[in-house]
Amino acid sequence: MQAYLREKKYGISIESSYISPNLINSIKKTLKENNIQVIEPIMPAQIVFSKKIKLNENITPIPEEYKSSGVYRVYFDGEIIYIGSSDCDGNIKGKRAGMWSRRYDFKSTLLERQEHEAPKRYQCAASEVKKVFYNNDRFPETDLYRIEHDFFPCHPDLARELEFDIQQKYYDKNNKLPILNIVSEFVGGAKNIGNNVLRFIENT
């Protein structure tokens, strides 16, 4: 096992699974004594999402909790159409801006004017908006207000687990997943929800 001590970006890079509990506790103690916040993957007792933010809304500066790793939901005309997550934390130097970057990617894909022919492992949720709601026509930029995001920041090691848990609860309540989580060749955990083989529904 190796540990990289770096002057920039990530600082010390080391996987805790290779360290004994005693050494981990010693490292935590030393960090705290030097006023370095230690954030551990503790499952939250309650999930409270942020306010909804319209896709045409610009926020400056971007709040740190939106740049964090975490779970986010996408709405179209007030209805949840996608539940996703990001395990990148933009509050760590060198990392993308977490959930906010996913929001930015969603918007960029919506406004693309050229269709890419390159094969994908799975359909991008944003590209499916055009297919489901706009009959494969171009997405009009004037409709950005119809799409909203909300966010729940969490430890990066918990993001995927919470994403799948929230998807499962949505399924239990509605007997289906959000429309953009039902895509062909989906590689995330949603493909196992409801014991169904999920396929994108044509001509929805």
C-alpha atoms as a PDB file:
ATOM      1  CA  MET A   1       0.000   0.000   0.000  1.00  0.00           C
ATOM      2  CA  GLN A   2       1.164   3.526  -0.783  1.00  0.00           C
ATOM      3  CA  ALA A   3       0.062   6.921   0.490  1.00  0.00           C
ATOM      4  CA  TYR A   4       0.738  10.054  -1.539  1.00  0.00           C
ATOM      5  CA  LEU A   5       1.494  13.228   0.404  1.00  0.00           C
ATOM      6  CA  ARG A   6       0.627  16.044  -1.996  1.00  0.00           C
ATOM      7  CA  GLU A   7       1.136  19.773  -1.597  1.00  0.00           C
ATOM      8  CA  LYS A   8      -1.801  20.655  -3.828  1.00  0.00           C
ATOM      9  CA  LYS A   9      -5.257  19.414  -4.781  1.00  0.00           C
ATOM     10  CA  TYR A  10      -6.064  16.336  -2.739  1.00  0.00           C
ATOM     11  CA  GLY A  11      -3.522  16.544   0.072  1.00  0.00           C
ATOM     12  CA  ILE A  12      -3.044  13.076   1.547  1.00  0.00           C
ATOM     13  CA  SER A  13      -4.504  10.298  -0.568  1.00  0.00           C
ATOM     14  CA  ILE A  14      -4.982   6.984   1.203  1.00  0.00           C
ATOM     15  CA  GLU A  15      -7.725   4.340   1.360  1.00  0.00           C
ATOM     16  CA  SER A  16      -8.934   3.851   4.916  1.00  0.00           C
ATOM     17  CA  SER A  17      -9.940   0.230   4.237  1.00  0.00           C
ATOM     18  CA  TYR A  18      -6.235  -0.668   4.344  1.00  0.00           C
ATOM     19  CA  ILE A  19      -5.633   0.989   7.711  1.00  0.00           C
ATOM     20  CA  SER A  20      -6.151  -0.549  11.138  1.00  0.00           C
ATOM     21  CA  PRO A  21      -8.906   0.985  13.316  1.00  0.00           C
ATOM     22  CA  ASN A  22      -6.292   2.158  15.848  1.00  0.00           C
ATOM     23  CA  LEU A  23      -4.339   4.024  13.189  1.00  0.00           C
ATOM     24  CA  ILE A  24      -7.525   5.541  11.772  1.00  0.00           C
ATOM     25  CA  ASN A  25      -8.473   6.842  15.226  1.00  0.00           C
ATOM     26  CA  SER A  26      -4.982   8.235  15.668  1.00  0.00           C
ATOM     27  CA  ILE A  27      -5.192  10.027  12.289  1.00  0.00           C
ATOM     28  CA  LYS A  28      -8.612  11.456  13.152  1.00  0.00           C
ATOM     29  CA  LYS A  29      -7.336  12.729  16.481  1.00  0.00           C
ATOM     30  CA  THR A  30      -4.325  14.396  14.885  1.00  0.00           C
ATOM     31  CA  LEU A  31      -6.453  16.047  12.204  1.00  0.00           C
ATOM     32  CA  LYS A  32      -8.931  17.412  14.726  1.00  0.00           C
ATOM     33  CA  GLU A  33      -6.118  18.710  16.947  1.00  0.00           C
ATOM     34  CA  ASN A  34      -4.932  20.683  13.906  1.00  0.00           C
ATOM     35  CA  ASN A  35      -8.408  22.126  13.237  1.00  0.00           C
ATOM     36  CA  ILE A  36      -9.008  19.943  10.182  1.00  0.00           C
ATOM     37  CA  GLN A  37     -12.621  18.874   9.856  1.00  0.00           C
ATOM     38  CA  VAL A  38     -13.113  15.129   9.589  1.00  0.00           C
ATOM     39  CA  ILE A  39     -16.231  14.185   7.603  1.00  0.00           C
ATOM     40  CA  GLU A  40     -17.264  10.552   7.940  1.00  0.00           C
ATOM     41  CA  PRO A  41     -19.833   8.540   5.937  1.00  0.00           C
ATOM     42  CA  ILE A  42     -22.611   8.496   8.528  1.00  0.00           C
ATOM     43  CA  MET A  43     -26.054   7.717   7.111  1.00  0.00           C
ATOM     44  CA  PRO A  44     -28.350  10.710   7.738  1.00  0.00           C
ATOM     45  CA  ALA A  45     -31.369  10.192   9.967  1.00  0.00           C
ATOM     46  CA  GLN A  46     -33.453  12.424   7.719  1.00  0.00           C
ATOM     47  CA  ILE A  47     -33.203  13.587   4.119  1.00  0.00           C
ATOM     48  CA  VAL A  48     -34.240  17.183   3.529  1.00  0.00           C
ATOM     49  CA  PHE A  49     -33.798  18.477  -0.006  1.00  0.00           C
ATOM     50  CA  SER A  50     -32.975  22.083  -0.830  1.00  0.00           C
ATOM     51  CA  LYS A  51     -35.433  24.465  -2.433  1.00  0.00           C
ATOM     52  CA  LYS A  52     -36.117  23.816  -6.109  1.00  0.00           C
ATOM     53  CA  ILE A  53     -33.955  25.811  -8.498  1.00  0.00           C
ATOM     54  CA  LYS A  54     -35.150  26.445 -12.045  1.00  0.00           C
ATOM     55  CA  LEU A  55     -32.722  25.550 -14.809  1.00  0.00           C
ATOM     56  CA  ASN A  56     -32.797  29.120 -16.152  1.00  0.00           C
ATOM     57  CA  GLU A  57     -31.899  30.514 -12.712  1.00  0.00           C
ATOM     58  CA  ASN A  58     -28.334  31.703 -12.181  1.00  0.00           C
ATOM     59  CA  ILE A  59     -26.901  31.770  -8.675  1.00  0.00           C
ATOM     60  CA  THR A  60     -23.707  33.643  -7.794  1.00  0.00           C
ATOM     61  CA  PRO A  61     -21.814  32.555  -5.855  1.00  0.00           C
ATOM     62  CA  ILE A  62     -22.878  28.907  -5.986  1.00  0.00           C
ATOM     63  CA  PRO A  63     -23.563  27.671  -2.429  1.00  0.00           C
ATOM     64  CA  GLU A  64     -21.082  25.066  -1.226  1.00  0.00           C
ATOM     65  CA  GLU A  65     -23.838  22.558  -0.465  1.00  0.00           C
ATOM     66  CA  TYR A  66     -24.841  22.515  -4.147  1.00  0.00           C
ATOM     67  CA  LYS A  67     -21.234  21.876  -5.215  1.00  0.00           C
ATOM     68  CA  SER A  68     -21.026  18.973  -2.773  1.00  0.00           C
ATOM     69  CA  SER A  69     -21.438  15.292  -3.496  1.00  0.00           C
ATOM     70  CA  GLY A  70     -24.979  14.127  -2.916  1.00  0.00           C
ATOM     71  CA  VAL A  71     -28.360  13.204  -4.375  1.00  0.00           C
ATOM     72  CA  TYR A  72     -30.440  15.426  -6.628  1.00  0.00           C
ATOM     73  CA  ARG A  73     -33.864  15.294  -8.251  1.00  0.00           C
ATOM     74  CA  VAL A  74     -34.958  16.751 -11.588  1.00  0.00           C
ATOM     75  CA  TYR A  75     -38.494  18.043 -12.147  1.00  0.00           C
ATOM     76  CA  PHE A  76     -40.443  18.842 -15.305  1.00  0.00           C
ATOM     77  CA  ASP A  77     -43.496  21.031 -14.710  1.00  0.00           C
ATOM     78  CA  GLY A  78     -43.309  20.149 -11.019  1.00  0.00           C
ATOM     79  CA  GLU A  79     -43.141  16.354 -11.470  1.00  0.00           C
ATOM     80  CA  ILE A  80     -40.032  14.328 -10.609  1.00  0.00           C
ATOM     81  CA  ILE A  81     -38.578  12.916 -13.828  1.00  0.00           C
ATOM     82  CA  TYR A  82     -35.114  11.822 -12.634  1.00  0.00           C
ATOM     83  CA  ILE A  83     -33.284  10.911  -9.424  1.00  0.00           C
ATOM     84  CA  GLY A  84     -29.493  10.958  -9.642  1.00  0.00           C
ATOM     85  CA  SER A  85     -26.335  11.451  -7.618  1.00  0.00           C
ATOM     86  CA  SER A  86     -22.752  12.682  -7.755  1.00  0.00           C
ATOM     87  CA  ASP A  87     -19.879  11.292  -5.711  1.00  0.00           C
ATOM     88  CA  CYS A  88     -17.614  14.220  -6.616  1.00  0.00           C
ATOM     89  CA  ASP A  89     -17.270  16.974  -4.024  1.00  0.00           C
ATOM     90  CA  GLY A  90     -16.447  20.323  -5.577  1.00  0.00           C
ATOM     91  CA  ASN A  91     -15.431  21.714  -2.196  1.00  0.00           C
ATOM     92  CA  ILE A  92     -12.264  19.608  -2.512  1.00  0.00           C
ATOM     93  CA  LYS A  93      -9.733  21.258  -4.806  1.00  0.00           C
ATOM     94  CA  GLY A  94      -9.317  19.429  -8.098  1.00  0.00           C
ATOM     95  CA  LYS A  95     -12.789  17.889  -8.052  1.00  0.00           C
ATOM     96  CA  ARG A  96     -15.733  18.831 -10.263  1.00  0.00           C
ATOM     97  CA  ALA A  97     -18.500  20.839  -8.643  1.00  0.00           C
ATOM     98  CA  GLY A  98     -20.508  17.808  -7.546  1.00  0.00           C
ATOM     99  CA  MET A  99     -24.280  18.018  -7.988  1.00  0.00           C
ATOM    100  CA  TRP A 100     -24.043  21.475  -9.562  1.00  0.00           C
ATOM    101  CA  SER A 101     -21.834  20.077 -12.319  1.00  0.00           C
ATOM    102  CA  ARG A 102     -24.467  17.420 -13.003  1.00  0.00           C
ATOM    103  CA  ARG A 103     -27.022  20.213 -13.309  1.00  0.00           C
ATOM    104  CA  TYR A 104     -24.715  22.086 -15.696  1.00  0.00           C
ATOM    105  CA  ASP A 105     -24.204  18.920 -17.779  1.00  0.00           C
ATOM    106  CA  PHE A 106     -27.960  18.393 -17.892  1.00  0.00           C
ATOM    107  CA  LYS A 107     -28.510  21.912 -19.214  1.00  0.00           C
ATOM    108  CA  SER A 108     -25.671  21.662 -21.744  1.00  0.00           C
ATOM    109  CA  THR A 109     -27.035  18.396 -23.143  1.00  0.00           C
ATOM    110  CA  LEU A 110     -30.530  19.851 -23.417  1.00  0.00           C
ATOM    111  CA  LEU A 111     -29.258  22.779 -25.464  1.00  0.00           C
ATOM    112  CA  GLU A 112     -27.010  20.774 -27.789  1.00  0.00           C
ATOM    113  CA  ARG A 113     -27.841  21.484 -31.384  1.00  0.00           C
ATOM    114  CA  GLN A 114     -26.023  18.517 -32.929  1.00  0.00           C
ATOM    115  CA  GLU A 115     -26.957  14.911 -32.378  1.00  0.00           C
ATOM    116  CA  HIS A 116     -23.963  12.723 -31.585  1.00  0.00           C
ATOM    117  CA  GLU A 117     -23.944   9.397 -33.387  1.00  0.00           C
ATOM    118  CA  ALA A 118     -21.306   7.782 -31.195  1.00  0.00           C
ATOM    119  CA  PRO A 119     -22.722   4.779 -29.269  1.00  0.00           C
ATOM    120  CA  LYS A 120     -23.300   5.261 -25.543  1.00  0.00           C
ATOM    121  CA  ARG A 121     -23.342   2.756 -22.691  1.00  0.00           C
ATOM    122  CA  TYR A 122     -26.698   4.196 -21.671  1.00  0.00           C
ATOM    123  CA  GLN A 123     -28.908   7.074 -22.692  1.00  0.00           C
ATOM    124  CA  CYS A 124     -28.241  10.413 -21.058  1.00  0.00           C
ATOM    125  CA  ALA A 125     -31.232  11.497 -18.986  1.00  0.00           C
ATOM    126  CA  ALA A 126     -31.178  15.015 -20.420  1.00  0.00           C
ATOM    127  CA  SER A 127     -31.222  13.753 -24.005  1.00  0.00           C
ATOM    128  CA  GLU A 128     -34.330  11.740 -23.129  1.00  0.00           C
ATOM    129  CA  VAL A 129     -36.188  14.976 -22.262  1.00  0.00           C
ATOM    130  CA  LYS A 130     -36.255  15.795 -25.967  1.00  0.00           C
ATOM    131  CA  LYS A 131     -37.517  12.329 -26.802  1.00  0.00           C
ATOM    132  CA  VAL A 132     -40.212  12.101 -24.126  1.00  0.00           C
ATOM    133  CA  PHE A 133     -41.511  15.659 -23.982  1.00  0.00           C
ATOM    134  CA  TYR A 134     -40.579  17.206 -27.354  1.00  0.00           C
ATOM    135  CA  ASN A 135     -41.027  14.391 -29.869  1.00  0.00           C
ATOM    136  CA  ASN A 136     -37.273  14.419 -30.575  1.00  0.00           C
ATOM    137  CA  ASP A 137     -37.369  18.068 -31.617  1.00  0.00           C
ATOM    138  CA  ARG A 138     -34.859  20.598 -30.380  1.00  0.00           C
ATOM    139  CA  PHE A 139     -35.326  21.682 -26.814  1.00  0.00           C
ATOM    140  CA  PRO A 140     -36.381  25.355 -26.773  1.00  0.00           C
ATOM    141  CA  GLU A 141     -34.205  27.444 -24.474  1.00  0.00           C
ATOM    142  CA  THR A 142     -37.299  29.415 -23.494  1.00  0.00           C
ATOM    143  CA  ASP A 143     -38.564  26.257 -21.740  1.00  0.00           C
ATOM    144  CA  LEU A 144     -35.651  26.003 -19.301  1.00  0.00           C
ATOM    145  CA  TYR A 145     -37.927  27.384 -16.587  1.00  0.00           C
ATOM    146  CA  ARG A 146     -40.005  24.165 -16.776  1.00  0.00           C
ATOM    147  CA  ILE A 147     -37.088  22.136 -15.391  1.00  0.00           C
ATOM    148  CA  GLU A 148     -35.966  22.363 -11.766  1.00  0.00           C
ATOM    149  CA  HIS A 149     -33.410  20.646  -9.521  1.00  0.00           C
ATOM    150  CA  ASP A 150     -33.224  20.161  -5.788  1.00  0.00           C
ATOM    151  CA  PHE A 151     -30.272  18.839  -3.820  1.00  0.00           C
ATOM    152  CA  PHE A 152     -29.311  16.867  -0.736  1.00  0.00           C
ATOM    153  CA  PRO A 153     -25.571  17.010   0.076  1.00  0.00           C
ATOM    154  CA  CYS A 154     -23.917  13.983   1.669  1.00  0.00           C
ATOM    155  CA  HIS A 155     -20.594  12.182   2.050  1.00  0.00           C
ATOM    156  CA  PRO A 156     -19.372  10.942  -1.369  1.00  0.00           C
ATOM    157  CA  ASP A 157     -19.299   7.328  -0.154  1.00  0.00           C
ATOM    158  CA  LEU A 158     -23.035   7.535   0.603  1.00  0.00           C
ATOM    159  CA  ALA A 159     -24.240   9.258  -2.579  1.00  0.00           C
ATOM    160  CA  ARG A 160     -24.974   6.134  -4.631  1.00  0.00           C
ATOM    161  CA  GLU A 161     -26.546   4.256  -1.726  1.00  0.00           C
ATOM    162  CA  LEU A 162     -28.861   7.167  -0.945  1.00  0.00           C
ATOM    163  CA  GLU A 163     -29.692   7.588  -4.637  1.00  0.00           C
ATOM    164  CA  PHE A 164     -30.858   3.987  -4.900  1.00  0.00           C
ATOM    165  CA  ASP A 165     -32.718   4.213  -1.581  1.00  0.00           C
ATOM    166  CA  ILE A 166     -34.627   7.295  -2.745  1.00  0.00           C
ATOM    167  CA  GLN A 167     -35.363   5.630  -6.083  1.00  0.00           C
ATOM    168  CA  GLN A 168     -36.674   2.565  -4.243  1.00  0.00           C
ATOM    169  CA  LYS A 169     -38.940   4.680  -2.027  1.00  0.00           C
ATOM    170  CA  TYR A 170     -40.248   6.487  -5.100  1.00  0.00           C
ATOM    171  CA  TYR A 171     -40.976   3.120  -6.720  1.00  0.00           C
ATOM    172  CA  ASP A 172     -42.682   1.780  -3.593  1.00  0.00           C
ATOM    173  CA  LYS A 173     -44.960   4.817  -3.508  1.00  0.00           C
ATOM    174  CA  ASN A 174     -45.710   5.120  -7.232  1.00  0.00           C
ATOM    175  CA  ASN A 175     -45.163   1.550  -8.504  1.00  0.00           C
ATOM    176  CA  LYS A 176     -42.822   2.962 -11.111  1.00  0.00           C
ATOM    177  CA  LEU A 177     -39.580   4.926 -11.382  1.00  0.00           C
ATOM    178  CA  PRO A 178     -39.279   8.511 -12.623  1.00  0.00           C
ATOM    179  CA  ILE A 179     -39.602   8.433 -16.404  1.00  0.00           C
ATOM    180  CA  LEU A 180     -35.954   9.309 -17.094  1.00  0.00           C
ATOM    181  CA  ASN A 181     -34.664   6.598 -14.760  1.00  0.00           C
ATOM    182  CA  ILE A 182     -36.349   4.074 -17.057  1.00  0.00           C
ATOM    183  CA  VAL A 183     -33.831   4.033 -19.878  1.00  0.00           C
ATOM    184  CA  SER A 184     -32.409   1.307 -22.067  1.00  0.00           C
ATOM    185  CA  GLU A 185     -29.222  -0.388 -20.816  1.00  0.00           C
ATOM    186  CA  PHE A 186     -29.316   1.583 -17.565  1.00  0.00           C
ATOM    187  CA  VAL A 187     -26.148   0.766 -15.617  1.00  0.00           C
ATOM    188  CA  GLY A 188     -27.126   2.137 -12.192  1.00  0.00           C
ATOM    189  CA  GLY A 189     -28.892   0.528  -9.286  1.00  0.00           C
ATOM    190  CA  ALA A 190     -32.349   1.482 -10.546  1.00  0.00           C
ATOM    191  CA  LYS A 191     -32.224  -1.455 -12.967  1.00  0.00           C
ATOM    192  CA  ASN A 192     -32.717  -3.756  -9.952  1.00  0.00           C
ATOM    193  CA  ILE A 193     -35.627  -1.859  -8.417  1.00  0.00           C
ATOM    194  CA  GLY A 194     -38.968  -3.633  -8.486  1.00  0.00           C
ATOM    195  CA  ASN A 195     -37.303  -6.816  -9.784  1.00  0.00           C
ATOM    196  CA  ASN A 196     -37.982  -5.532 -13.281  1.00  0.00           C
ATOM    197  CA  VAL A 197     -35.828  -5.471 -16.368  1.00  0.00           C
ATOM    198  CA  LEU A 198     -36.162  -1.775 -17.088  1.00  0.00           C
ATOM    199  CA  ARG A 199     -36.557  -0.685 -20.669  1.00  0.00           C
ATOM    200  CA  PHE A 200     -37.192   2.725 -22.037  1.00  0.00           C
ATOM    201  CA  ILE A 201     -40.858   3.112 -22.896  1.00  0.00           C
ATOM    202  CA  GLU A 202     -41.229   4.100 -26.545  1.00  0.00           C
ATOM    203  CA  ASN A 203     -43.838   6.681 -27.496  1.00  0.00           C
ATOM    204  CA  THR A 204     -44.549   7.609 -23.887  1.00  0.00           C
END
